[in-house]
């Protein structure tokens, strides 16, 4: 697969809408929200179909927009969280996130 590039005007035009549909903005059914506020994130393919864009365009805009939207320390925190919870699950068979919520009960 070759290098792909979306021009800056196309990026500016679609980035906010693409992010709002993507997994970057998660307002999902597991949250305690009224049903009218719940939505599942869409895949790049689903976003492309919904917006009438090529999937490669959506993917490139999403990836660049995610990097623009979140500072590097947020990415580092997410990686640390994922690493910590995966290691805890491998060690005990129970997610440390689950344990945290079980303790509150």
PDB file of N, CA and C in Angstrom:
ATOM      1  N   UNK A   1       0.849  -1.175   0.000  1.00  0.00           N
ATOM      2  CA  UNK A   1       0.000   0.000   0.000  1.00  0.00           C
ATOM      3  C   UNK A   1       0.894   1.238   0.000  1.00  0.00           C
ATOM      4  N   UNK A   2       0.603   2.177  -0.856  1.00  0.00           N
ATOM      5  CA  UNK A   2       1.401   3.386  -0.976  1.00  0.00           C
ATOM      6  C   UNK A   2       1.043   4.452   0.034  1.00  0.00           C
ATOM      7  N   UNK A   3       1.770   5.528  -0.037  1.00  0.00           N
ATOM      8  CA  UNK A   3       1.539   6.689   0.818  1.00  0.00           C
ATOM      9  C   UNK A   3       0.228   7.350   0.427  1.00  0.00           C
ATOM     10  N   UNK A   4      -0.539   7.750   1.407  1.00  0.00           N
ATOM     11  CA  UNK A   4      -1.825   8.389   1.154  1.00  0.00           C
ATOM     12  C   UNK A   4      -1.848   9.723   1.879  1.00  0.00           C
ATOM     13  N   UNK A   5      -2.457  10.739   1.274  1.00  0.00           N
ATOM     14  CA  UNK A   5      -2.465  12.065   1.869  1.00  0.00           C
ATOM     15  C   UNK A   5      -3.801  12.748   1.633  1.00  0.00           C
ATOM     16  N   UNK A   6      -4.381  13.273   2.701  1.00  0.00           N
ATOM     17  CA  UNK A   6      -5.616  14.048   2.608  1.00  0.00           C
ATOM     18  C   UNK A   6      -5.233  15.516   2.692  1.00  0.00           C
ATOM     19  N   UNK A   7      -5.757  16.312   1.774  1.00  0.00           N
ATOM     20  CA  UNK A   7      -5.391  17.727   1.781  1.00  0.00           C
ATOM     21  C   UNK A   7      -5.945  18.420   3.030  1.00  0.00           C
ATOM     22  N   UNK A   8      -5.278  19.497   3.479  1.00  0.00           N
ATOM     23  CA  UNK A   8      -5.650  20.173   4.724  1.00  0.00           C
ATOM     24  C   UNK A   8      -7.098  20.676   4.761  1.00  0.00           C
ATOM     25  N   UNK A   9      -7.636  21.117   3.660  1.00  0.00           N
ATOM     26  CA  UNK A   9      -9.023  21.610   3.650  1.00  0.00           C
ATOM     27  C   UNK A   9     -10.014  20.473   3.896  1.00  0.00           C
ATOM     28  N   UNK A  10      -9.764  19.323   3.289  1.00  0.00           N
ATOM     29  CA  UNK A  10     -10.627  18.160   3.516  1.00  0.00           C
ATOM     30  C   UNK A  10     -10.527  17.734   4.975  1.00  0.00           C
ATOM     31  N   UNK A  11      -9.322  17.721   5.506  1.00  0.00           N
ATOM     32  CA  UNK A  11      -9.110  17.366   6.910  1.00  0.00           C
ATOM     33  C   UNK A  11      -9.913  18.300   7.831  1.00  0.00           C
ATOM     34  N   UNK A  12      -9.776  19.600   7.636  1.00  0.00           N
ATOM     35  CA  UNK A  12     -10.488  20.583   8.479  1.00  0.00           C
ATOM     36  C   UNK A  12     -12.000  20.427   8.363  1.00  0.00           C
ATOM     37  N   UNK A  13     -12.461  20.156   7.160  1.00  0.00           N
ATOM     38  CA  UNK A  13     -13.907  20.050   6.915  1.00  0.00           C
ATOM     39  C   UNK A  13     -14.538  18.872   7.663  1.00  0.00           C
ATOM     40  N   UNK A  14     -13.847  17.740   7.718  1.00  0.00           N
ATOM     41  CA  UNK A  14     -14.457  16.512   8.228  1.00  0.00           C
ATOM     42  C   UNK A  14     -13.956  16.020   9.580  1.00  0.00           C
ATOM     43  N   UNK A  15     -12.867  16.558  10.097  1.00  0.00           N
ATOM     44  CA  UNK A  15     -12.240  15.956  11.278  1.00  0.00           C
ATOM     45  C   UNK A  15     -13.156  15.875  12.496  1.00  0.00           C
ATOM     46  N   UNK A  16     -13.886  16.934  12.809  1.00  0.00           N
ATOM     47  CA  UNK A  16     -14.732  16.919  14.010  1.00  0.00           C
ATOM     48  C   UNK A  16     -15.861  15.896  13.896  1.00  0.00           C
ATOM     49  N   UNK A  17     -16.473  15.829  12.719  1.00  0.00           N
ATOM     50  CA  UNK A  17     -17.567  14.877  12.525  1.00  0.00           C
ATOM     51  C   UNK A  17     -17.053  13.439  12.576  1.00  0.00           C
ATOM     52  N   UNK A  18     -15.926  13.182  11.944  1.00  0.00           N
ATOM     53  CA  UNK A  18     -15.353  11.835  11.961  1.00  0.00           C
ATOM     54  C   UNK A  18     -14.999  11.427  13.383  1.00  0.00           C
ATOM     55  N   UNK A  19     -14.370  12.314  14.138  1.00  0.00           N
ATOM     56  CA  UNK A  19     -14.044  11.984  15.535  1.00  0.00           C
ATOM     57  C   UNK A  19     -15.301  11.711  16.352  1.00  0.00           C
ATOM     58  N   UNK A  20     -16.357  12.467  16.097  1.00  0.00           N
ATOM     59  CA  UNK A  20     -17.580  12.281  16.886  1.00  0.00           C
ATOM     60  C   UNK A  20     -18.211  10.912  16.658  1.00  0.00           C
ATOM     61  N   UNK A  21     -18.011  10.323  15.486  1.00  0.00           N
ATOM     62  CA  UNK A  21     -18.540   8.990  15.188  1.00  0.00           C
ATOM     63  C   UNK A  21     -17.585   7.876  15.605  1.00  0.00           C
ATOM     64  N   UNK A  22     -16.323   8.193  15.785  1.00  0.00           N
ATOM     65  CA  UNK A  22     -15.298   7.169  15.985  1.00  0.00           C
ATOM     66  C   UNK A  22     -15.233   6.665  17.421  1.00  0.00           C
ATOM     67  N   UNK A  23     -14.351   5.694  17.633  1.00  0.00           N
ATOM     68  CA  UNK A  23     -14.150   5.166  18.980  1.00  0.00           C
ATOM     69  C   UNK A  23     -13.388   6.141  19.872  1.00  0.00           C
ATOM     70  N   UNK A  24     -12.910   7.232  19.291  1.00  0.00           N
ATOM     71  CA  UNK A  24     -12.221   8.247  20.093  1.00  0.00           C
ATOM     72  C   UNK A  24     -13.178   8.937  21.052  1.00  0.00           C
ATOM     73  N   UNK A  25     -14.432   9.028  20.656  1.00  0.00           N
ATOM     74  CA  UNK A  25     -15.463   9.640  21.494  1.00  0.00           C
ATOM     75  C   UNK A  25     -16.441   8.529  21.835  1.00  0.00           C
ATOM     76  N   UNK A  26     -16.308   8.010  23.038  1.00  0.00           N
ATOM     77  CA  UNK A  26     -17.114   6.862  23.409  1.00  0.00           C
ATOM     78  C   UNK A  26     -18.219   7.254  24.376  1.00  0.00           C
ATOM     79  N   UNK A  27     -19.421   7.227  23.877  1.00  0.00           N
ATOM     80  CA  UNK A  27     -20.620   7.362  24.696  1.00  0.00           C
ATOM     81  C   UNK A  27     -21.403   6.109  24.367  1.00  0.00           C
ATOM     82  N   UNK A  28     -21.239   5.105  25.196  1.00  0.00           N
ATOM     83  CA  UNK A  28     -21.756   3.801  24.794  1.00  0.00           C
ATOM     84  C   UNK A  28     -22.789   3.245  25.752  1.00  0.00           C
ATOM     85  N   UNK A  29     -23.262   2.075  25.440  1.00  0.00           N
ATOM     86  CA  UNK A  29     -24.365   1.485  26.194  1.00  0.00           C
ATOM     87  C   UNK A  29     -23.971   1.009  27.582  1.00  0.00           C
ATOM     88  N   UNK A  30     -22.671   0.919  27.877  1.00  0.00           N
ATOM     89  CA  UNK A  30     -22.278   0.478  29.212  1.00  0.00           C
ATOM     90  C   UNK A  30     -22.369   1.601  30.241  1.00  0.00           C
ATOM     91  N   UNK A  31     -22.506   2.821  29.781  1.00  0.00           N
ATOM     92  CA  UNK A  31     -22.571   3.941  30.703  1.00  0.00           C
ATOM     93  C   UNK A  31     -23.993   4.116  31.220  1.00  0.00           C
ATOM     94  N   UNK A  32     -24.101   4.705  32.367  1.00  0.00           N
ATOM     95  CA  UNK A  32     -25.410   4.957  32.948  1.00  0.00           C
ATOM     96  C   UNK A  32     -25.931   6.288  32.435  1.00  0.00           C
ATOM     97  N   UNK A  33     -26.344   6.265  31.199  1.00  0.00           N
ATOM     98  CA  UNK A  33     -26.852   7.452  30.532  1.00  0.00           C
ATOM     99  C   UNK A  33     -28.271   7.187  30.050  1.00  0.00           C
ATOM    100  N   UNK A  34     -29.057   8.246  29.908  1.00  0.00           N
ATOM    101  CA  UNK A  34     -30.376   8.039  29.301  1.00  0.00           C
ATOM    102  C   UNK A  34     -30.199   7.444  27.899  1.00  0.00           C
ATOM    103  N   UNK A  35     -31.120   6.611  27.488  1.00  0.00           N
ATOM    104  CA  UNK A  35     -30.998   5.915  26.214  1.00  0.00           C
ATOM    105  C   UNK A  35     -30.775   6.853  25.037  1.00  0.00           C
ATOM    106  N   UNK A  36     -31.395   8.015  25.045  1.00  0.00           N
ATOM    107  CA  UNK A  36     -31.257   8.946  23.921  1.00  0.00           C
ATOM    108  C   UNK A  36     -29.846   9.529  23.794  1.00  0.00           C
ATOM    109  N   UNK A  37     -29.029   9.421  24.820  1.00  0.00           N
ATOM    110  CA  UNK A  37     -27.652   9.925  24.759  1.00  0.00           C
ATOM    111  C   UNK A  37     -26.642   8.834  24.440  1.00  0.00           C
ATOM    112  N   UNK A  38     -27.066   7.581  24.417  1.00  0.00           N
ATOM    113  CA  UNK A  38     -26.155   6.479  24.160  1.00  0.00           C
ATOM    114  C   UNK A  38     -25.934   6.307  22.656  1.00  0.00           C
ATOM    115  N   UNK A  39     -24.717   5.980  22.310  1.00  0.00           N
ATOM    116  CA  UNK A  39     -24.423   5.628  20.919  1.00  0.00           C
ATOM    117  C   UNK A  39     -23.163   4.781  20.894  1.00  0.00           C
ATOM    118  N   UNK A  40     -23.118   3.869  19.967  1.00  0.00           N
ATOM    119  CA  UNK A  40     -21.921   3.049  19.832  1.00  0.00           C
ATOM    120  C   UNK A  40     -21.006   3.719  18.813  1.00  0.00           C
ATOM    121  N   UNK A  41     -19.712   3.562  18.997  1.00  0.00           N
ATOM    122  CA  UNK A  41     -18.786   4.118  18.013  1.00  0.00           C
ATOM    123  C   UNK A  41     -18.884   3.357  16.701  1.00  0.00           C
ATOM    124  N   UNK A  42     -18.542   4.032  15.624  1.00  0.00           N
ATOM    125  CA  UNK A  42     -18.584   3.416  14.302  1.00  0.00           C
ATOM    126  C   UNK A  42     -17.176   3.095  13.822  1.00  0.00           C
ATOM    127  N   UNK A  43     -17.079   2.085  12.988  1.00  0.00           N
ATOM    128  CA  UNK A  43     -15.803   1.746  12.359  1.00  0.00           C
ATOM    129  C   UNK A  43     -15.521   2.763  11.259  1.00  0.00           C
ATOM    130  N   UNK A  44     -14.291   2.779  10.774  1.00  0.00           N
ATOM    131  CA  UNK A  44     -13.952   3.670   9.662  1.00  0.00           C
ATOM    132  C   UNK A  44     -14.833   3.365   8.451  1.00  0.00           C
ATOM    133  N   UNK A  45     -15.087   2.099   8.218  1.00  0.00           N
ATOM    134  CA  UNK A  45     -15.924   1.699   7.085  1.00  0.00           C
ATOM    135  C   UNK A  45     -17.346   2.241   7.244  1.00  0.00           C
ATOM    136  N   UNK A  46     -17.897   2.152   8.451  1.00  0.00           N
ATOM    137  CA  UNK A  46     -19.249   2.661   8.702  1.00  0.00           C
ATOM    138  C   UNK A  46     -19.310   4.182   8.592  1.00  0.00           C
ATOM    139  N   UNK A  47     -18.275   4.850   9.099  1.00  0.00           N
ATOM    140  CA  UNK A  47     -18.218   6.312   8.992  1.00  0.00           C
ATOM    141  C   UNK A  47     -18.155   6.722   7.527  1.00  0.00           C
ATOM    142  N   UNK A  48     -17.321   6.044   6.760  1.00  0.00           N
ATOM    143  CA  UNK A  48     -17.181   6.355   5.336  1.00  0.00           C
ATOM    144  C   UNK A  48     -18.526   6.213   4.620  1.00  0.00           C
ATOM    145  N   UNK A  49     -19.233   5.136   4.886  1.00  0.00           N
ATOM    146  CA  UNK A  49     -20.536   4.920   4.253  1.00  0.00           C
ATOM    147  C   UNK A  49     -21.535   6.000   4.662  1.00  0.00           C
ATOM    148  N   UNK A  50     -21.525   6.352   5.933  1.00  0.00           N
ATOM    149  CA  UNK A  50     -22.458   7.357   6.457  1.00  0.00           C
ATOM    150  C   UNK A  50     -22.198   8.743   5.860  1.00  0.00           C
ATOM    151  N   UNK A  51     -20.919   9.056   5.654  1.00  0.00           N
ATOM    152  CA  UNK A  51     -20.544  10.389   5.184  1.00  0.00           C
ATOM    153  C   UNK A  51     -20.309  10.462   3.678  1.00  0.00           C
ATOM    154  N   UNK A  52     -20.333   9.321   3.004  1.00  0.00           N
ATOM    155  CA  UNK A  52     -20.098   9.309   1.570  1.00  0.00           C
ATOM    156  C   UNK A  52     -18.651   9.582   1.197  1.00  0.00           C
ATOM    157  N   UNK A  53     -17.731   9.115   2.040  1.00  0.00           N
ATOM    158  CA  UNK A  53     -16.297   9.302   1.801  1.00  0.00           C
ATOM    159  C   UNK A  53     -15.622   7.959   1.587  1.00  0.00           C
ATOM    160  N   UNK A  54     -14.443   7.992   1.025  1.00  0.00           N
ATOM    161  CA  UNK A  54     -13.625   6.798   0.887  1.00  0.00           C
ATOM    162  C   UNK A  54     -13.130   6.384   2.277  1.00  0.00           C
ATOM    163  N   UNK A  55     -13.099   5.102   2.535  1.00  0.00           N
ATOM    164  CA  UNK A  55     -12.660   4.608   3.845  1.00  0.00           C
ATOM    165  C   UNK A  55     -11.231   5.042   4.172  1.00  0.00           C
ATOM    166  N   UNK A  56     -10.352   5.090   3.177  1.00  0.00           N
ATOM    167  CA  UNK A  56      -8.964   5.517   3.416  1.00  0.00           C
ATOM    168  C   UNK A  56      -8.914   6.972   3.858  1.00  0.00           C
ATOM    169  N   UNK A  57      -9.793   7.802   3.304  1.00  0.00           N
ATOM    170  CA  UNK A  57      -9.854   9.217   3.692  1.00  0.00           C
ATOM    171  C   UNK A  57     -10.287   9.321   5.149  1.00  0.00           C
ATOM    172  N   UNK A  58     -11.337   8.593   5.511  1.00  0.00           N
ATOM    173  CA  UNK A  58     -11.826   8.602   6.892  1.00  0.00           C
ATOM    174  C   UNK A  58     -10.733   8.133   7.847  1.00  0.00           C
ATOM    175  N   UNK A  59     -10.055   7.049   7.505  1.00  0.00           N
ATOM    176  CA  UNK A  59      -9.019   6.495   8.391  1.00  0.00           C
ATOM    177  C   UNK A  59      -7.898   7.507   8.605  1.00  0.00           C
ATOM    178  N   UNK A  60      -7.430   8.112   7.531  1.00  0.00           N
ATOM    179  CA  UNK A  60      -6.333   9.067   7.676  1.00  0.00           C
ATOM    180  C   UNK A  60      -6.762  10.283   8.492  1.00  0.00           C
ATOM    181  N   UNK A  61      -7.944  10.805   8.228  1.00  0.00           N
ATOM    182  CA  UNK A  61      -8.427  11.957   8.997  1.00  0.00           C
ATOM    183  C   UNK A  61      -8.565  11.581  10.467  1.00  0.00           C
ATOM    184  N   UNK A  62      -9.126  10.408  10.751  1.00  0.00           N
ATOM    185  CA  UNK A  62      -9.314   9.988  12.148  1.00  0.00           C
ATOM    186  C   UNK A  62      -7.991   9.871  12.882  1.00  0.00           C
ATOM    187  N   UNK A  63      -7.038   9.212  12.257  1.00  0.00           N
ATOM    188  CA  UNK A  63      -5.742   8.987  12.907  1.00  0.00           C
ATOM    189  C   UNK A  63      -5.051  10.322  13.200  1.00  0.00           C
ATOM    190  N   UNK A  64      -5.023  11.209  12.238  1.00  0.00           N
ATOM    191  CA  UNK A  64      -4.370  12.506  12.446  1.00  0.00           C
ATOM    192  C   UNK A  64      -5.146  13.327  13.468  1.00  0.00           C
ATOM    193  N   UNK A  65      -6.474  13.308  13.388  1.00  0.00           N
ATOM    194  CA  UNK A  65      -7.303  14.082  14.324  1.00  0.00           C
ATOM    195  C   UNK A  65      -7.154  13.578  15.755  1.00  0.00           C
ATOM    196  N   UNK A  66      -7.027  12.264  15.927  1.00  0.00           N
ATOM    197  CA  UNK A  66      -6.804  11.724  17.274  1.00  0.00           C
ATOM    198  C   UNK A  66      -5.506  12.262  17.856  1.00  0.00           C
ATOM    199  N   UNK A  67      -4.473  12.315  17.033  1.00  0.00           N
ATOM    200  CA  UNK A  67      -3.179  12.834  17.505  1.00  0.00           C
ATOM    201  C   UNK A  67      -3.279  14.315  17.838  1.00  0.00           C
ATOM    202  N   UNK A  68      -4.073  15.037  17.069  1.00  0.00           N
ATOM    203  CA  UNK A  68      -4.265  16.470  17.329  1.00  0.00           C
ATOM    204  C   UNK A  68      -5.128  16.722  18.568  1.00  0.00           C
ATOM    205  N   UNK A  69      -6.077  15.824  18.822  1.00  0.00           N
ATOM    206  CA  UNK A  69      -7.060  16.042  19.885  1.00  0.00           C
ATOM    207  C   UNK A  69      -6.537  15.755  21.284  1.00  0.00           C
ATOM    208  N   UNK A  70      -5.608  14.813  21.391  1.00  0.00           N
ATOM    209  CA  UNK A  70      -5.151  14.388  22.707  1.00  0.00           C
ATOM    210  C   UNK A  70      -3.656  14.634  22.853  1.00  0.00           C
ATOM    211  N   UNK A  71      -3.253  15.285  23.937  1.00  0.00           N
ATOM    212  CA  UNK A  71      -1.816  15.504  24.148  1.00  0.00           C
ATOM    213  C   UNK A  71      -1.098  14.173  24.407  1.00  0.00           C
ATOM    214  N   UNK A  72       0.199  14.184  24.205  1.00  0.00           N
ATOM    215  CA  UNK A  72       0.997  12.957  24.318  1.00  0.00           C
ATOM    216  C   UNK A  72       0.876  12.314  25.696  1.00  0.00           C
ATOM    217  N   UNK A  73       0.718  13.092  26.749  1.00  0.00           N
ATOM    218  CA  UNK A  73       0.610  12.481  28.079  1.00  0.00           C
ATOM    219  C   UNK A  73      -0.674  11.666  28.222  1.00  0.00           C
ATOM    220  N   UNK A  74      -1.722  12.012  27.494  1.00  0.00           N
ATOM    221  CA  UNK A  74      -2.940  11.199  27.515  1.00  0.00           C
ATOM    222  C   UNK A  74      -2.690   9.844  26.865  1.00  0.00           C
ATOM    223  N   UNK A  75      -1.947   9.839  25.766  1.00  0.00           N
ATOM    224  CA  UNK A  75      -1.600   8.573  25.107  1.00  0.00           C
ATOM    225  C   UNK A  75      -0.741   7.718  26.039  1.00  0.00           C
ATOM    226  N   UNK A  76       0.202   8.354  26.727  1.00  0.00           N
ATOM    227  CA  UNK A  76       1.064   7.613  27.654  1.00  0.00           C
ATOM    228  C   UNK A  76       0.264   7.040  28.817  1.00  0.00           C
ATOM    229  N   UNK A  77      -0.667   7.822  29.360  1.00  0.00           N
ATOM    230  CA  UNK A  77      -1.511   7.332  30.451  1.00  0.00           C
ATOM    231  C   UNK A  77      -2.348   6.142  29.993  1.00  0.00           C
ATOM    232  N   UNK A  78      -2.881   6.225  28.781  1.00  0.00           N
ATOM    233  CA  UNK A  78      -3.695   5.131  28.253  1.00  0.00           C
ATOM    234  C   UNK A  78      -2.861   3.863  28.086  1.00  0.00           C
ATOM    235  N   UNK A  79      -1.650   4.013  27.569  1.00  0.00           N
ATOM    236  CA  UNK A  79      -0.771   2.845  27.406  1.00  0.00           C
ATOM    237  C   UNK A  79      -0.415   2.230  28.754  1.00  0.00           C
ATOM    238  N   UNK A  80      -0.122   3.067  29.736  1.00  0.00           N
ATOM    239  CA  UNK A  80       0.196   2.566  31.073  1.00  0.00           C
ATOM    240  C   UNK A  80      -1.002   1.847  31.686  1.00  0.00           C
ATOM    241  N   UNK A  81      -2.187   2.418  31.530  1.00  0.00           N
ATOM    242  CA  UNK A  81      -3.401   1.803  32.053  1.00  0.00           C
ATOM    243  C   UNK A  81      -3.628   0.435  31.415  1.00  0.00           C
ATOM    244  N   UNK A  82      -3.522   0.374  30.079  1.00  0.00           N
ATOM    245  CA  UNK A  82      -3.730  -0.889  29.380  1.00  0.00           C
ATOM    246  C   UNK A  82      -2.693  -1.933  29.797  1.00  0.00           C
ATOM    247  N   UNK A  83      -1.453  -1.514  29.904  1.00  0.00           N
ATOM    248  CA  UNK A  83      -0.396  -2.432  30.311  1.00  0.00           C
ATOM    249  C   UNK A  83      -0.659  -2.961  31.720  1.00  0.00           C
ATOM    250  N   UNK A  84      -0.977  -2.064  32.639  1.00  0.00           N
ATOM    251  CA  UNK A  84      -1.226  -2.445  34.036  1.00  0.00           C
ATOM    252  C   UNK A  84      -2.415  -3.399  34.142  1.00  0.00           C
ATOM    253  N   UNK A  85      -3.518  -3.082  33.460  1.00  0.00           N
ATOM    254  CA  UNK A  85      -4.704  -3.931  33.583  1.00  0.00           C
ATOM    255  C   UNK A  85      -4.518  -5.277  32.898  1.00  0.00           C
ATOM    256  N   UNK A  86      -3.808  -5.308  31.774  1.00  0.00           N
ATOM    257  CA  UNK A  86      -3.551  -6.592  31.106  1.00  0.00           C
ATOM    258  C   UNK A  86      -2.655  -7.487  31.953  1.00  0.00           C
ATOM    259  N   UNK A  87      -1.620  -6.897  32.551  1.00  0.00           N
ATOM    260  CA  UNK A  87      -0.723  -7.686  33.406  1.00  0.00           C
ATOM    261  C   UNK A  87      -1.463  -8.211  34.642  1.00  0.00           C
ATOM    262  N   UNK A  88      -2.332  -7.381  35.206  1.00  0.00           N
ATOM    263  CA  UNK A  88      -3.098  -7.802  36.377  1.00  0.00           C
ATOM    264  C   UNK A  88      -4.046  -8.941  36.008  1.00  0.00           C
ATOM    265  N   UNK A  89      -4.672  -8.827  34.852  1.00  0.00           N
ATOM    266  CA  UNK A  89      -5.576  -9.890  34.413  1.00  0.00           C
ATOM    267  C   UNK A  89      -4.799 -11.189  34.177  1.00  0.00           C
ATOM    268  N   UNK A  90      -3.634 -11.085  33.541  1.00  0.00           N
ATOM    269  CA  UNK A  90      -2.812 -12.276  33.291  1.00  0.00           C
ATOM    270  C   UNK A  90      -2.373 -12.919  34.606  1.00  0.00           C
ATOM    271  N   UNK A  91      -2.096 -12.087  35.602  1.00  0.00           N
ATOM    272  CA  UNK A  91      -1.616 -12.601  36.887  1.00  0.00           C
ATOM    273  C   UNK A  91      -2.728 -13.242  37.700  1.00  0.00           C
ATOM    274  N   UNK A  92      -3.922 -12.612  37.724  1.00  0.00           N
ATOM    275  CA  UNK A  92      -4.978 -13.046  38.644  1.00  0.00           C
ATOM    276  C   UNK A  92      -6.221 -13.623  37.960  1.00  0.00           C
ATOM    277  N   UNK A  93      -6.385 -13.343  36.670  1.00  0.00           N
ATOM    278  CA  UNK A  93      -7.598 -13.787  35.984  1.00  0.00           C
ATOM    279  C   UNK A  93      -8.779 -12.868  36.218  1.00  0.00           C
ATOM    280  N   UNK A  94      -8.550 -11.764  36.915  1.00  0.00           N
ATOM    281  CA  UNK A  94      -9.608 -10.790  37.171  1.00  0.00           C
ATOM    282  C   UNK A  94      -9.051  -9.404  36.910  1.00  0.00           C
ATOM    283  N   UNK A  95      -9.766  -8.629  36.164  1.00  0.00           N
ATOM    284  CA  UNK A  95      -9.304  -7.287  35.828  1.00  0.00           C
ATOM    285  C   UNK A  95      -9.169  -6.425  37.072  1.00  0.00           C
ATOM    286  N   UNK A  96      -8.099  -5.649  37.143  1.00  0.00           N
ATOM    287  CA  UNK A  96      -7.930  -4.723  38.258  1.00  0.00           C
ATOM    288  C   UNK A  96      -8.990  -3.636  38.204  1.00  0.00           C
ATOM    289  N   UNK A  97      -9.498  -3.350  37.026  1.00  0.00           N
ATOM    290  CA  UNK A  97     -10.587  -2.375  36.904  1.00  0.00           C
ATOM    291  C   UNK A  97     -11.830  -2.937  37.561  1.00  0.00           C
ATOM    292  N   UNK A  98     -12.119  -4.214  37.303  1.00  0.00           N
ATOM    293  CA  UNK A  98     -13.270  -4.861  37.919  1.00  0.00           C
ATOM    294  C   UNK A  98     -13.113  -4.883  39.432  1.00  0.00           C
ATOM    295  N   UNK A  99     -11.916  -5.209  39.905  1.00  0.00           N
ATOM    296  CA  UNK A  99     -11.671  -5.241  41.349  1.00  0.00           C
ATOM    297  C   UNK A  99     -11.950  -3.887  41.973  1.00  0.00           C
ATOM    298  N   UNK A 100     -11.545  -2.833  41.298  1.00  0.00           N
ATOM    299  CA  UNK A 100     -11.759  -1.476  41.813  1.00  0.00           C
ATOM    300  C   UNK A 100     -13.248  -1.232  42.041  1.00  0.00           C
ATOM    301  N   UNK A 101     -14.075  -1.629  41.071  1.00  0.00           N
ATOM    302  CA  UNK A 101     -15.504  -1.389  41.187  1.00  0.00           C
ATOM    303  C   UNK A 101     -16.161  -2.356  42.156  1.00  0.00           C
ATOM    304  N   UNK A 102     -15.623  -3.562  42.280  1.00  0.00           N
ATOM    305  CA  UNK A 102     -16.165  -4.509  43.240  1.00  0.00           C
ATOM    306  C   UNK A 102     -15.953  -4.037  44.672  1.00  0.00           C
ATOM    307  N   UNK A 103     -14.829  -3.371  44.934  1.00  0.00           N
ATOM    308  CA  UNK A 103     -14.528  -2.871  46.269  1.00  0.00           C
ATOM    309  C   UNK A 103     -15.517  -1.791  46.705  1.00  0.00           C
ATOM    310  N   UNK A 104     -16.067  -1.052  45.749  1.00  0.00           N
ATOM    311  CA  UNK A 104     -17.010   0.018  46.070  1.00  0.00           C
ATOM    312  C   UNK A 104     -18.351  -0.529  46.520  1.00  0.00           C
ATOM    313  N   UNK A 105     -18.682  -1.753  46.117  1.00  0.00           N
ATOM    314  CA  UNK A 105     -19.990  -2.332  46.418  1.00  0.00           C
ATOM    315  C   UNK A 105     -20.169  -2.612  47.891  1.00  0.00           C
TER     316      UNK A 105
END
